[in-house]
N, C-alpha and C. Protein backbone atom coordinates (compact mmCIF):
# COMPACT_ATOMS: atom_id res chain seq x y z
N MET A 1 6.84 -8.85 -11.44
CA MET A 1 7.00 -8.77 -12.89
C MET A 1 6.41 -10.01 -13.51
N VAL A 2 5.63 -9.85 -14.53
CA VAL A 2 5.04 -10.97 -15.27
C VAL A 2 5.97 -11.33 -16.41
N VAL A 3 6.43 -12.58 -16.40
CA VAL A 3 7.32 -13.04 -17.45
C VAL A 3 6.48 -13.49 -18.63
N PRO A 4 6.72 -12.96 -19.82
CA PRO A 4 5.88 -13.31 -20.97
C PRO A 4 6.02 -14.78 -21.34
N LEU A 5 4.96 -15.32 -21.87
CA LEU A 5 4.99 -16.69 -22.33
C LEU A 5 5.88 -16.80 -23.57
N THR A 6 6.55 -17.91 -23.66
CA THR A 6 7.38 -18.17 -24.83
C THR A 6 6.65 -19.16 -25.72
N VAL A 7 6.41 -18.78 -26.94
CA VAL A 7 5.68 -19.67 -27.86
C VAL A 7 6.56 -20.09 -29.03
N ALA A 8 7.89 -19.93 -28.82
CA ALA A 8 8.81 -20.23 -29.91
C ALA A 8 9.19 -21.71 -29.96
N LEU A 9 8.37 -22.54 -29.34
CA LEU A 9 8.66 -23.96 -29.36
C LEU A 9 8.08 -24.63 -30.59
N GLY A 10 7.40 -23.86 -31.41
CA GLY A 10 6.74 -24.44 -32.57
C GLY A 10 5.29 -24.71 -32.25
N ALA A 11 4.52 -24.95 -33.28
CA ALA A 11 3.08 -25.12 -33.11
C ALA A 11 2.70 -26.55 -32.80
N GLY A 12 3.70 -27.38 -32.49
CA GLY A 12 3.44 -28.80 -32.29
C GLY A 12 2.60 -29.13 -31.09
N THR A 13 2.61 -28.27 -30.06
CA THR A 13 1.86 -28.60 -28.85
C THR A 13 1.01 -27.42 -28.42
N ALA A 14 -0.25 -27.71 -28.18
CA ALA A 14 -1.14 -26.68 -27.65
C ALA A 14 -0.76 -26.37 -26.21
N GLN A 15 -0.22 -27.39 -25.50
CA GLN A 15 0.16 -27.21 -24.11
C GLN A 15 1.27 -26.18 -23.96
N ALA A 16 2.14 -26.08 -24.95
CA ALA A 16 3.27 -25.17 -24.86
C ALA A 16 2.81 -23.74 -24.67
N ALA A 17 1.64 -23.41 -25.19
CA ALA A 17 1.14 -22.04 -25.09
C ALA A 17 0.87 -21.64 -23.64
N SER A 18 0.58 -22.64 -22.79
CA SER A 18 0.30 -22.33 -21.39
C SER A 18 1.51 -22.60 -20.51
N CYS A 19 2.63 -22.95 -21.11
CA CYS A 19 3.85 -23.26 -20.36
C CYS A 19 4.83 -22.09 -20.46
N ASN A 20 5.33 -21.68 -19.31
CA ASN A 20 6.34 -20.62 -19.29
C ASN A 20 7.71 -21.28 -19.38
N VAL A 21 8.35 -21.15 -20.53
CA VAL A 21 9.64 -21.82 -20.72
C VAL A 21 10.82 -20.92 -20.39
N THR A 22 10.55 -19.84 -19.65
CA THR A 22 11.62 -19.00 -19.15
C THR A 22 12.28 -19.67 -17.95
N THR A 23 13.60 -19.63 -17.89
CA THR A 23 14.32 -20.21 -16.76
C THR A 23 14.03 -19.38 -15.50
N GLY A 24 13.57 -20.05 -14.45
CA GLY A 24 13.21 -19.36 -13.22
C GLY A 24 14.39 -19.17 -12.28
N PRO A 25 14.24 -18.32 -11.27
CA PRO A 25 15.33 -18.04 -10.33
C PRO A 25 15.69 -19.25 -9.45
N HIS A 26 14.79 -20.23 -9.36
CA HIS A 26 15.06 -21.42 -8.55
C HIS A 26 15.07 -22.67 -9.42
N GLN A 27 15.51 -22.51 -10.64
CA GLN A 27 15.45 -23.60 -11.62
C GLN A 27 16.15 -24.86 -11.13
N LYS A 28 17.40 -24.73 -10.69
CA LYS A 28 18.17 -25.91 -10.30
C LYS A 28 17.56 -26.61 -9.08
N GLN A 29 17.13 -25.81 -8.09
CA GLN A 29 16.54 -26.42 -6.90
C GLN A 29 15.28 -27.18 -7.24
N VAL A 30 14.45 -26.58 -8.11
CA VAL A 30 13.19 -27.21 -8.50
C VAL A 30 13.46 -28.47 -9.33
N GLU A 31 14.41 -28.41 -10.24
CA GLU A 31 14.76 -29.58 -11.04
C GLU A 31 15.23 -30.72 -10.14
N ARG A 32 16.06 -30.39 -9.15
CA ARG A 32 16.57 -31.41 -8.24
C ARG A 32 15.43 -32.03 -7.43
N PHE A 33 14.52 -31.21 -6.95
CA PHE A 33 13.39 -31.70 -6.16
C PHE A 33 12.54 -32.66 -6.97
N LEU A 34 12.33 -32.34 -8.24
CA LEU A 34 11.45 -33.14 -9.11
C LEU A 34 12.15 -34.32 -9.76
N GLY A 35 13.46 -34.47 -9.49
CA GLY A 35 14.20 -35.57 -10.07
C GLY A 35 14.50 -35.38 -11.54
N ARG A 36 14.50 -34.12 -11.97
CA ARG A 36 14.81 -33.79 -13.35
C ARG A 36 16.33 -33.66 -13.53
N THR A 37 16.79 -33.60 -14.77
CA THR A 37 18.19 -33.30 -15.03
C THR A 37 18.49 -31.89 -14.54
N VAL A 38 19.48 -31.76 -13.67
CA VAL A 38 19.78 -30.47 -13.05
C VAL A 38 20.78 -29.72 -13.92
N ASP A 39 20.23 -28.93 -14.87
CA ASP A 39 21.09 -28.14 -15.74
C ASP A 39 20.81 -26.64 -15.63
N GLY A 40 19.80 -26.29 -14.83
CA GLY A 40 19.50 -24.87 -14.65
C GLY A 40 18.89 -24.21 -15.86
N LYS A 41 18.37 -25.03 -16.79
CA LYS A 41 17.78 -24.48 -18.00
C LYS A 41 16.38 -25.05 -18.17
N GLN A 42 15.41 -24.17 -18.27
CA GLN A 42 14.02 -24.61 -18.42
C GLN A 42 13.79 -25.26 -19.79
N SER A 43 13.10 -26.37 -19.77
CA SER A 43 12.69 -27.04 -21.01
C SER A 43 11.18 -27.25 -20.93
N LEU A 44 10.59 -27.66 -22.02
CA LEU A 44 9.15 -27.92 -22.02
C LEU A 44 8.83 -29.06 -21.06
N ALA A 45 9.69 -30.08 -21.02
CA ALA A 45 9.47 -31.21 -20.10
C ALA A 45 9.57 -30.74 -18.65
N ASP A 46 10.55 -29.86 -18.37
CA ASP A 46 10.65 -29.29 -17.02
C ASP A 46 9.38 -28.54 -16.67
N CYS A 47 8.92 -27.73 -17.62
CA CYS A 47 7.75 -26.91 -17.39
C CYS A 47 6.53 -27.78 -17.06
N LYS A 48 6.34 -28.84 -17.82
CA LYS A 48 5.20 -29.72 -17.57
C LYS A 48 5.28 -30.37 -16.19
N ALA A 49 6.50 -30.76 -15.78
CA ALA A 49 6.68 -31.38 -14.47
C ALA A 49 6.38 -30.37 -13.36
N ILE A 50 6.83 -29.14 -13.54
CA ILE A 50 6.57 -28.09 -12.56
C ILE A 50 5.08 -27.77 -12.51
N GLN A 51 4.45 -27.70 -13.68
CA GLN A 51 3.01 -27.45 -13.75
C GLN A 51 2.23 -28.52 -12.99
N SER A 52 2.62 -29.77 -13.15
CA SER A 52 1.94 -30.86 -12.47
C SER A 52 2.00 -30.69 -10.96
N PHE A 53 3.16 -30.30 -10.46
CA PHE A 53 3.33 -30.04 -9.03
C PHE A 53 2.45 -28.87 -8.60
N GLN A 54 2.44 -27.81 -9.40
CA GLN A 54 1.66 -26.62 -9.07
C GLN A 54 0.16 -26.93 -9.05
N ARG A 55 -0.30 -27.69 -10.01
CA ARG A 55 -1.71 -28.05 -10.06
C ARG A 55 -2.11 -28.87 -8.84
N LYS A 56 -1.26 -29.81 -8.47
CA LYS A 56 -1.56 -30.70 -7.35
C LYS A 56 -1.77 -29.93 -6.06
N HIS A 57 -1.02 -28.84 -5.89
CA HIS A 57 -1.07 -28.11 -4.63
C HIS A 57 -1.72 -26.73 -4.74
N GLY A 58 -2.33 -26.44 -5.87
CA GLY A 58 -3.07 -25.19 -6.03
C GLY A 58 -2.19 -23.95 -6.06
N ILE A 59 -1.00 -24.08 -6.61
CA ILE A 59 -0.08 -22.94 -6.71
C ILE A 59 -0.38 -22.19 -8.00
N THR A 60 -0.67 -20.92 -7.88
CA THR A 60 -0.98 -20.10 -9.06
C THR A 60 -0.01 -18.94 -9.19
N PRO A 61 0.26 -18.45 -10.42
CA PRO A 61 -0.25 -19.00 -11.68
C PRO A 61 0.40 -20.35 -11.98
N THR A 62 -0.38 -21.23 -12.56
CA THR A 62 0.09 -22.59 -12.86
C THR A 62 0.71 -22.59 -14.26
N MET A 63 1.91 -22.03 -14.34
CA MET A 63 2.55 -21.83 -15.65
C MET A 63 3.84 -22.62 -15.79
N GLY A 64 4.21 -23.40 -14.76
CA GLY A 64 5.42 -24.19 -14.87
C GLY A 64 6.70 -23.42 -14.66
N TYR A 65 6.59 -22.26 -14.02
CA TYR A 65 7.75 -21.39 -13.80
C TYR A 65 8.36 -21.68 -12.43
N ALA A 66 9.68 -21.83 -12.38
CA ALA A 66 10.39 -22.15 -11.13
C ALA A 66 10.62 -20.88 -10.31
N GLY A 67 9.53 -20.34 -9.81
CA GLY A 67 9.59 -19.09 -9.07
C GLY A 67 9.69 -19.29 -7.57
N PRO A 68 9.72 -18.18 -6.81
CA PRO A 68 9.90 -18.24 -5.36
C PRO A 68 8.85 -19.05 -4.62
N LEU A 69 7.57 -18.91 -4.99
CA LEU A 69 6.52 -19.61 -4.26
C LEU A 69 6.60 -21.12 -4.45
N THR A 70 6.87 -21.54 -5.68
CA THR A 70 7.00 -22.97 -5.95
C THR A 70 8.16 -23.57 -5.18
N TRP A 71 9.30 -22.87 -5.20
CA TRP A 71 10.46 -23.39 -4.48
C TRP A 71 10.23 -23.35 -2.97
N ARG A 72 9.59 -22.31 -2.46
CA ARG A 72 9.32 -22.22 -1.02
C ARG A 72 8.47 -23.41 -0.57
N THR A 73 7.50 -23.78 -1.39
CA THR A 73 6.65 -24.92 -1.08
C THR A 73 7.47 -26.20 -1.05
N MET A 74 8.31 -26.39 -2.03
CA MET A 74 9.15 -27.57 -2.09
C MET A 74 10.13 -27.61 -0.92
N ASN A 75 10.71 -26.47 -0.57
CA ASN A 75 11.67 -26.42 0.52
C ASN A 75 11.01 -26.77 1.85
N THR A 76 9.76 -26.33 2.03
CA THR A 76 9.02 -26.70 3.24
C THR A 76 8.85 -28.21 3.30
N MET A 77 8.54 -28.83 2.17
CA MET A 77 8.40 -30.28 2.12
C MET A 77 9.71 -30.98 2.52
N LEU A 78 10.82 -30.43 2.05
CA LEU A 78 12.13 -31.02 2.38
C LEU A 78 12.42 -30.90 3.87
N GLU A 79 12.07 -29.76 4.46
CA GLU A 79 12.28 -29.57 5.89
C GLU A 79 11.39 -30.51 6.70
N GLN A 80 10.18 -30.74 6.23
CA GLN A 80 9.28 -31.66 6.91
C GLN A 80 9.84 -33.08 6.87
N LYS A 81 10.35 -33.47 5.72
CA LYS A 81 10.92 -34.81 5.58
C LYS A 81 12.13 -34.97 6.48
N ALA A 82 12.93 -33.92 6.59
CA ALA A 82 14.14 -33.98 7.41
C ALA A 82 13.83 -34.11 8.90
N ALA A 83 12.62 -33.71 9.31
CA ALA A 83 12.25 -33.81 10.72
C ALA A 83 12.17 -35.26 11.17
N GLY A 84 11.87 -36.16 10.23
CA GLY A 84 11.78 -37.58 10.56
C GLY A 84 10.84 -37.84 11.72
N LYS A 85 11.27 -38.68 12.65
CA LYS A 85 10.47 -39.00 13.84
C LYS A 85 11.01 -38.29 15.09
N ASN A 86 11.77 -37.23 14.86
CA ASN A 86 12.29 -36.45 15.98
C ASN A 86 12.04 -34.97 15.74
N PRO A 87 10.75 -34.58 15.61
CA PRO A 87 10.44 -33.19 15.25
C PRO A 87 10.83 -32.17 16.32
N ASN A 88 10.96 -32.62 17.57
CA ASN A 88 11.30 -31.70 18.66
C ASN A 88 12.77 -31.80 19.05
N LYS A 89 13.60 -32.11 18.08
CA LYS A 89 15.03 -32.27 18.34
C LYS A 89 15.63 -31.02 18.97
N ALA A 90 15.16 -29.84 18.54
CA ALA A 90 15.68 -28.58 19.07
C ALA A 90 15.08 -28.23 20.43
N GLY A 91 14.10 -28.99 20.87
CA GLY A 91 13.50 -28.77 22.19
C GLY A 91 12.67 -27.52 22.31
N LYS A 92 12.10 -27.06 21.20
CA LYS A 92 11.34 -25.80 21.25
C LYS A 92 9.92 -25.98 21.79
N CYS A 93 9.39 -27.19 21.70
CA CYS A 93 8.06 -27.44 22.25
C CYS A 93 8.23 -28.02 23.66
N PRO A 94 7.53 -27.48 24.65
CA PRO A 94 7.73 -27.89 26.04
C PRO A 94 7.56 -29.39 26.27
N THR A 95 8.45 -29.95 27.08
CA THR A 95 8.40 -31.38 27.41
C THR A 95 8.02 -31.59 28.88
N ASN A 96 7.61 -30.53 29.56
CA ASN A 96 7.29 -30.64 30.99
C ASN A 96 5.80 -30.46 31.28
N LYS A 97 4.97 -30.62 30.26
CA LYS A 97 3.53 -30.41 30.42
C LYS A 97 2.69 -31.66 30.21
N GLY A 98 3.35 -32.81 30.06
CA GLY A 98 2.58 -34.01 29.74
C GLY A 98 2.13 -33.97 28.29
N ARG A 99 0.89 -34.38 28.04
CA ARG A 99 0.39 -34.42 26.65
C ARG A 99 0.22 -33.00 26.11
N ILE A 100 0.78 -32.77 24.94
CA ILE A 100 0.74 -31.44 24.34
C ILE A 100 0.78 -31.56 22.82
N ALA A 101 0.01 -30.72 22.14
CA ALA A 101 0.03 -30.66 20.68
C ALA A 101 0.96 -29.51 20.28
N CYS A 102 1.97 -29.82 19.52
CA CYS A 102 2.97 -28.83 19.09
C CYS A 102 2.71 -28.42 17.65
N VAL A 103 2.88 -27.13 17.37
CA VAL A 103 2.72 -26.60 16.02
C VAL A 103 3.93 -25.75 15.69
N ASP A 104 4.72 -26.20 14.73
CA ASP A 104 5.90 -25.46 14.27
C ASP A 104 5.52 -24.76 12.97
N LEU A 105 5.31 -23.45 13.06
CA LEU A 105 4.89 -22.69 11.88
C LEU A 105 5.98 -22.66 10.81
N THR A 106 7.23 -22.62 11.21
CA THR A 106 8.34 -22.50 10.26
C THR A 106 8.38 -23.69 9.31
N ARG A 107 8.20 -24.87 9.86
CA ARG A 107 8.24 -26.09 9.05
C ARG A 107 6.84 -26.57 8.67
N GLN A 108 5.80 -25.87 9.14
CA GLN A 108 4.42 -26.27 8.87
C GLN A 108 4.20 -27.73 9.27
N LEU A 109 4.60 -28.01 10.51
CA LEU A 109 4.51 -29.35 11.07
C LEU A 109 3.75 -29.31 12.40
N SER A 110 3.06 -30.39 12.71
CA SER A 110 2.46 -30.55 14.02
C SER A 110 2.62 -31.99 14.48
N TRP A 111 2.64 -32.17 15.80
CA TRP A 111 2.72 -33.50 16.38
C TRP A 111 2.19 -33.44 17.81
N ILE A 112 1.91 -34.60 18.36
CA ILE A 112 1.49 -34.71 19.75
C ILE A 112 2.56 -35.48 20.50
N GLN A 113 2.98 -34.92 21.63
CA GLN A 113 3.97 -35.60 22.45
C GLN A 113 3.48 -35.65 23.89
N ASP A 114 4.03 -36.58 24.64
CA ASP A 114 3.76 -36.69 26.07
C ASP A 114 5.12 -36.69 26.75
N GLY A 115 5.46 -35.56 27.36
CA GLY A 115 6.83 -35.39 27.82
C GLY A 115 7.74 -35.36 26.61
N LYS A 116 8.72 -36.23 26.60
CA LYS A 116 9.63 -36.31 25.45
C LYS A 116 9.23 -37.40 24.46
N LYS A 117 8.14 -38.11 24.77
CA LYS A 117 7.73 -39.23 23.93
C LYS A 117 6.77 -38.78 22.84
N LEU A 118 7.11 -39.08 21.60
CA LEU A 118 6.25 -38.74 20.47
C LEU A 118 5.06 -39.69 20.44
N LYS A 119 3.84 -39.13 20.44
CA LYS A 119 2.63 -39.94 20.44
C LYS A 119 1.97 -40.03 19.07
N TYR A 120 2.10 -38.97 18.27
CA TYR A 120 1.51 -38.96 16.92
C TYR A 120 2.22 -37.92 16.07
N GLY A 121 2.46 -38.29 14.80
CA GLY A 121 3.08 -37.36 13.87
C GLY A 121 4.58 -37.59 13.75
N PRO A 122 5.30 -36.57 13.24
CA PRO A 122 4.77 -35.27 12.83
C PRO A 122 3.99 -35.35 11.51
N VAL A 123 3.06 -34.41 11.35
CA VAL A 123 2.25 -34.36 10.14
C VAL A 123 2.27 -32.95 9.57
N PRO A 124 2.15 -32.83 8.24
CA PRO A 124 2.11 -31.49 7.64
C PRO A 124 0.80 -30.79 7.97
N VAL A 125 0.87 -29.50 8.16
CA VAL A 125 -0.31 -28.69 8.43
C VAL A 125 -0.29 -27.45 7.56
N ARG A 126 -1.43 -26.80 7.48
CA ARG A 126 -1.57 -25.56 6.69
C ARG A 126 -2.09 -24.49 7.65
N THR A 127 -1.22 -23.55 7.99
CA THR A 127 -1.57 -22.56 9.01
C THR A 127 -1.92 -21.21 8.37
N GLY A 128 -2.13 -20.21 9.23
CA GLY A 128 -2.63 -18.92 8.78
C GLY A 128 -1.74 -18.20 7.79
N LYS A 129 -2.39 -17.55 6.84
CA LYS A 129 -1.69 -16.78 5.81
C LYS A 129 -1.27 -15.41 6.35
N ASN A 130 -0.53 -14.67 5.54
CA ASN A 130 -0.09 -13.33 5.91
C ASN A 130 -1.31 -12.45 6.19
N GLY A 131 -1.37 -11.88 7.38
CA GLY A 131 -2.50 -11.05 7.78
C GLY A 131 -3.47 -11.76 8.69
N THR A 132 -3.51 -13.10 8.59
CA THR A 132 -4.35 -13.90 9.51
C THR A 132 -3.51 -15.06 10.04
N GLU A 133 -2.34 -14.73 10.54
CA GLU A 133 -1.41 -15.74 11.01
C GLU A 133 -1.96 -16.52 12.21
N THR A 134 -1.58 -17.77 12.31
CA THR A 134 -1.87 -18.55 13.51
C THR A 134 -1.03 -17.96 14.64
N ARG A 135 -1.68 -17.59 15.72
CA ARG A 135 -0.99 -16.89 16.80
C ARG A 135 -0.09 -17.84 17.59
N THR A 136 1.08 -17.35 17.95
CA THR A 136 2.06 -18.16 18.67
C THR A 136 1.83 -18.11 20.18
N GLY A 137 2.45 -19.05 20.88
CA GLY A 137 2.41 -19.06 22.33
C GLY A 137 1.76 -20.31 22.91
N SER A 138 1.61 -20.31 24.23
CA SER A 138 1.00 -21.44 24.94
C SER A 138 -0.52 -21.29 24.96
N LYS A 139 -1.22 -22.34 24.61
CA LYS A 139 -2.68 -22.35 24.54
C LYS A 139 -3.22 -23.61 25.21
N LYS A 140 -4.54 -23.69 25.30
CA LYS A 140 -5.21 -24.90 25.75
C LYS A 140 -6.46 -25.11 24.91
N ILE A 141 -6.74 -26.36 24.60
CA ILE A 141 -7.99 -26.67 23.91
C ILE A 141 -9.14 -26.38 24.86
N TYR A 142 -10.09 -25.57 24.39
CA TYR A 142 -11.18 -25.18 25.27
C TYR A 142 -12.56 -25.56 24.72
N TRP A 143 -12.63 -25.96 23.44
CA TRP A 143 -13.93 -26.33 22.86
C TRP A 143 -13.70 -27.26 21.68
N ARG A 144 -14.50 -28.32 21.64
CA ARG A 144 -14.40 -29.29 20.56
C ARG A 144 -15.75 -29.45 19.88
N SER A 145 -15.73 -29.50 18.54
CA SER A 145 -16.97 -29.60 17.76
C SER A 145 -16.70 -30.49 16.56
N ILE A 146 -17.19 -31.72 16.62
CA ILE A 146 -16.81 -32.73 15.63
C ILE A 146 -17.34 -32.43 14.22
N ASN A 147 -18.51 -31.80 14.12
CA ASN A 147 -19.08 -31.47 12.81
C ASN A 147 -19.29 -29.96 12.71
N HIS A 148 -18.25 -29.21 13.01
CA HIS A 148 -18.39 -27.75 13.09
C HIS A 148 -18.62 -27.13 11.71
N TRP A 149 -19.46 -26.10 11.71
CA TRP A 149 -19.70 -25.30 10.51
C TRP A 149 -19.30 -23.86 10.80
N SER A 150 -18.41 -23.29 9.99
CA SER A 150 -17.95 -21.93 10.20
C SER A 150 -18.98 -20.94 9.65
N THR A 151 -19.50 -20.09 10.53
CA THR A 151 -20.43 -19.04 10.10
C THR A 151 -19.68 -17.85 9.54
N ILE A 152 -18.35 -17.83 9.73
CA ILE A 152 -17.53 -16.74 9.20
C ILE A 152 -17.14 -17.03 7.75
N TYR A 153 -16.63 -18.25 7.53
CA TYR A 153 -16.15 -18.61 6.19
C TYR A 153 -17.14 -19.47 5.41
N HIS A 154 -18.23 -19.89 6.08
CA HIS A 154 -19.27 -20.70 5.44
C HIS A 154 -18.70 -21.98 4.83
N VAL A 155 -17.90 -22.66 5.65
CA VAL A 155 -17.31 -23.94 5.23
C VAL A 155 -17.41 -24.93 6.39
N SER A 156 -17.38 -26.21 6.02
CA SER A 156 -17.36 -27.27 7.02
C SER A 156 -15.96 -27.37 7.64
N MET A 157 -15.90 -27.56 8.96
CA MET A 157 -14.64 -27.69 9.68
C MET A 157 -14.70 -28.94 10.57
N PRO A 158 -14.64 -30.14 9.96
CA PRO A 158 -14.76 -31.37 10.76
C PRO A 158 -13.63 -31.50 11.79
N TYR A 159 -13.96 -32.13 12.88
CA TYR A 159 -13.00 -32.41 13.96
C TYR A 159 -12.35 -31.14 14.51
N SER A 160 -13.13 -30.09 14.67
CA SER A 160 -12.59 -28.82 15.17
C SER A 160 -12.27 -28.91 16.66
N GLN A 161 -11.06 -28.46 16.98
CA GLN A 161 -10.62 -28.35 18.37
C GLN A 161 -10.02 -26.96 18.54
N PHE A 162 -10.78 -26.09 19.20
CA PHE A 162 -10.41 -24.68 19.32
C PHE A 162 -9.44 -24.48 20.49
N PHE A 163 -8.39 -23.69 20.21
CA PHE A 163 -7.39 -23.46 21.25
C PHE A 163 -7.03 -21.98 21.44
N ASP A 164 -7.51 -21.10 20.55
CA ASP A 164 -7.21 -19.67 20.67
C ASP A 164 -8.27 -18.89 19.92
N GLY A 165 -9.32 -18.47 20.63
CA GLY A 165 -10.40 -17.75 19.96
C GLY A 165 -11.01 -18.62 18.88
N GLY A 166 -11.03 -18.10 17.65
CA GLY A 166 -11.58 -18.86 16.54
C GLY A 166 -10.58 -19.76 15.85
N GLN A 167 -9.37 -19.88 16.39
CA GLN A 167 -8.34 -20.70 15.76
C GLN A 167 -8.40 -22.12 16.32
N ALA A 168 -8.38 -23.08 15.40
CA ALA A 168 -8.60 -24.48 15.80
C ALA A 168 -7.84 -25.42 14.88
N PHE A 169 -7.59 -26.62 15.39
CA PHE A 169 -7.21 -27.74 14.53
C PHE A 169 -8.48 -28.20 13.84
N HIS A 170 -8.44 -28.46 12.55
CA HIS A 170 -9.59 -29.07 11.90
C HIS A 170 -9.21 -29.64 10.55
N SER A 171 -10.05 -30.52 10.06
CA SER A 171 -9.83 -31.20 8.79
C SER A 171 -10.16 -30.29 7.61
N THR A 172 -9.43 -30.49 6.51
CA THR A 172 -9.75 -29.83 5.25
C THR A 172 -9.40 -30.76 4.11
N THR A 173 -10.02 -30.54 2.97
CA THR A 173 -9.72 -31.37 1.80
C THR A 173 -8.65 -30.72 0.91
N LYS A 174 -8.23 -29.51 1.26
CA LYS A 174 -7.19 -28.84 0.47
C LYS A 174 -5.83 -29.48 0.73
N SER A 175 -4.92 -29.28 -0.20
CA SER A 175 -3.54 -29.72 0.00
C SER A 175 -2.95 -28.96 1.18
N MET A 176 -2.14 -29.64 1.97
CA MET A 176 -1.47 -28.98 3.09
C MET A 176 -0.47 -27.94 2.61
N TRP A 177 -0.11 -28.01 1.35
CA TRP A 177 0.89 -27.08 0.82
C TRP A 177 0.26 -26.04 -0.11
N ASN A 178 -1.06 -25.88 0.03
CA ASN A 178 -1.78 -24.92 -0.80
C ASN A 178 -1.61 -23.50 -0.26
N PRO A 179 -0.97 -22.61 -1.04
CA PRO A 179 -0.80 -21.24 -0.57
C PRO A 179 -2.07 -20.42 -0.82
N PRO A 180 -2.24 -19.30 -0.13
CA PRO A 180 -1.28 -18.74 0.83
C PRO A 180 -1.44 -19.29 2.23
N GLY A 181 -2.54 -19.99 2.54
CA GLY A 181 -2.73 -20.53 3.87
C GLY A 181 -4.15 -20.32 4.35
N SER A 182 -4.37 -20.62 5.63
CA SER A 182 -5.70 -20.57 6.21
C SER A 182 -6.02 -19.18 6.76
N GLY A 183 -7.21 -19.08 7.34
CA GLY A 183 -7.62 -17.84 7.98
C GLY A 183 -7.12 -17.75 9.41
N GLY A 184 -6.24 -18.66 9.80
CA GLY A 184 -5.67 -18.67 11.15
C GLY A 184 -5.70 -20.04 11.78
N CYS A 185 -6.61 -20.90 11.30
CA CYS A 185 -6.70 -22.26 11.84
C CYS A 185 -5.51 -23.11 11.40
N VAL A 186 -5.35 -24.23 12.10
CA VAL A 186 -4.36 -25.22 11.71
C VAL A 186 -5.09 -26.30 10.92
N ASN A 187 -5.04 -26.19 9.60
CA ASN A 187 -5.67 -27.16 8.71
C ASN A 187 -4.90 -28.47 8.74
N MET A 188 -5.64 -29.59 8.69
CA MET A 188 -5.03 -30.91 8.71
C MET A 188 -5.70 -31.82 7.70
N ARG A 189 -4.97 -32.85 7.29
CA ARG A 189 -5.58 -33.88 6.46
C ARG A 189 -6.63 -34.61 7.30
N PRO A 190 -7.69 -35.12 6.66
CA PRO A 190 -8.78 -35.75 7.42
C PRO A 190 -8.33 -36.81 8.42
N ALA A 191 -7.46 -37.71 8.02
CA ALA A 191 -7.02 -38.78 8.92
C ALA A 191 -6.26 -38.23 10.12
N ASP A 192 -5.46 -37.19 9.89
CA ASP A 192 -4.69 -36.58 10.98
C ASP A 192 -5.60 -35.82 11.93
N ALA A 193 -6.57 -35.09 11.38
CA ALA A 193 -7.51 -34.35 12.23
C ALA A 193 -8.32 -35.31 13.10
N LYS A 194 -8.70 -36.45 12.53
CA LYS A 194 -9.45 -37.45 13.29
C LYS A 194 -8.58 -38.04 14.40
N ALA A 195 -7.31 -38.29 14.09
CA ALA A 195 -6.40 -38.83 15.10
C ALA A 195 -6.21 -37.83 16.25
N TYR A 196 -6.09 -36.55 15.92
CA TYR A 196 -5.97 -35.52 16.95
C TYR A 196 -7.24 -35.48 17.81
N TRP A 197 -8.37 -35.63 17.17
CA TRP A 197 -9.65 -35.64 17.88
C TRP A 197 -9.68 -36.78 18.91
N ASN A 198 -9.18 -37.93 18.51
CA ASN A 198 -9.21 -39.10 19.39
C ASN A 198 -8.16 -39.04 20.50
N LEU A 199 -7.09 -38.30 20.28
CA LEU A 199 -5.98 -38.25 21.24
C LEU A 199 -6.08 -37.09 22.23
N LEU A 200 -6.72 -35.99 21.82
CA LEU A 200 -6.75 -34.79 22.65
C LEU A 200 -8.09 -34.61 23.35
N ARG A 201 -8.08 -33.80 24.38
CA ARG A 201 -9.27 -33.50 25.16
C ARG A 201 -9.27 -32.01 25.54
N ASN A 202 -10.43 -31.52 25.98
CA ASN A 202 -10.49 -30.16 26.51
C ASN A 202 -9.49 -30.01 27.66
N GLY A 203 -8.79 -28.90 27.66
CA GLY A 203 -7.79 -28.65 28.70
C GLY A 203 -6.39 -29.06 28.32
N ASP A 204 -6.24 -29.84 27.24
CA ASP A 204 -4.90 -30.23 26.81
C ASP A 204 -4.13 -29.03 26.28
N ASP A 205 -2.83 -29.07 26.47
CA ASP A 205 -1.97 -27.96 26.05
C ASP A 205 -1.69 -27.98 24.55
N VAL A 206 -1.53 -26.79 24.03
CA VAL A 206 -1.12 -26.58 22.64
C VAL A 206 -0.01 -25.52 22.67
N TYR A 207 1.03 -25.75 21.90
CA TYR A 207 2.10 -24.76 21.85
C TYR A 207 2.43 -24.47 20.39
N VAL A 208 2.33 -23.20 20.02
CA VAL A 208 2.57 -22.75 18.65
C VAL A 208 3.80 -21.86 18.63
N TYR A 209 4.74 -22.15 17.74
CA TYR A 209 5.96 -21.34 17.67
C TYR A 209 6.46 -21.25 16.23
N GLY A 210 7.42 -20.35 16.03
CA GLY A 210 8.03 -20.18 14.71
C GLY A 210 7.29 -19.14 13.88
N ARG A 211 7.61 -19.13 12.61
CA ARG A 211 6.99 -18.18 11.68
C ARG A 211 6.82 -18.84 10.32
N LYS A 212 5.62 -18.82 9.82
CA LYS A 212 5.34 -19.45 8.54
C LYS A 212 6.07 -18.72 7.41
N PRO A 213 6.73 -19.46 6.52
CA PRO A 213 7.38 -18.82 5.37
C PRO A 213 6.37 -18.00 4.56
N GLY A 214 6.77 -16.78 4.24
CA GLY A 214 5.89 -15.91 3.46
C GLY A 214 5.02 -14.99 4.28
N THR A 215 5.16 -15.07 5.62
CA THR A 215 4.37 -14.19 6.48
C THR A 215 5.27 -13.19 7.21
């Protein structure tokens, strides 16, 4: 359902015309995340703050509405922060394989561990969208291409490390929280992708588990 724009704020601001001042279903959670007054009522100031967040991460429509997608993105960020420096607390990524790159789709997190010792991360990642999900299970890096060019998507994929067919770790300039997600690869921030490139080698294990929110 498309919620109509509210223009009853007066003609004082041109910005108001692009702001949805309807109270969203996740109003209180979004207000709390943004450090706003938590009253569960949308205001123009709330809307502008939500819009700023949406613009930063490419969430559309960018109307300042506290809807499901905006809150889901924020909640993922909260779960990532809660992981701290112990992302494998639940023991879901194998600790008996030596060096291994772990990918938790549920929290959109990845890290490298050696046994139980954390070697790098955890870092936010952007995995496959609905319909092109990053496949779960045990994998191994089988091909590395530092300046890879995708002939499928016609985009640069720096620091590509392929572990399952065409699915790879690689750098991107998009926000890690940009929906709906990748074509199946594990997108990383440039510095993180470079660190993975320097730490991993062909034959190293990769383990992907969980389920990305929204898939």
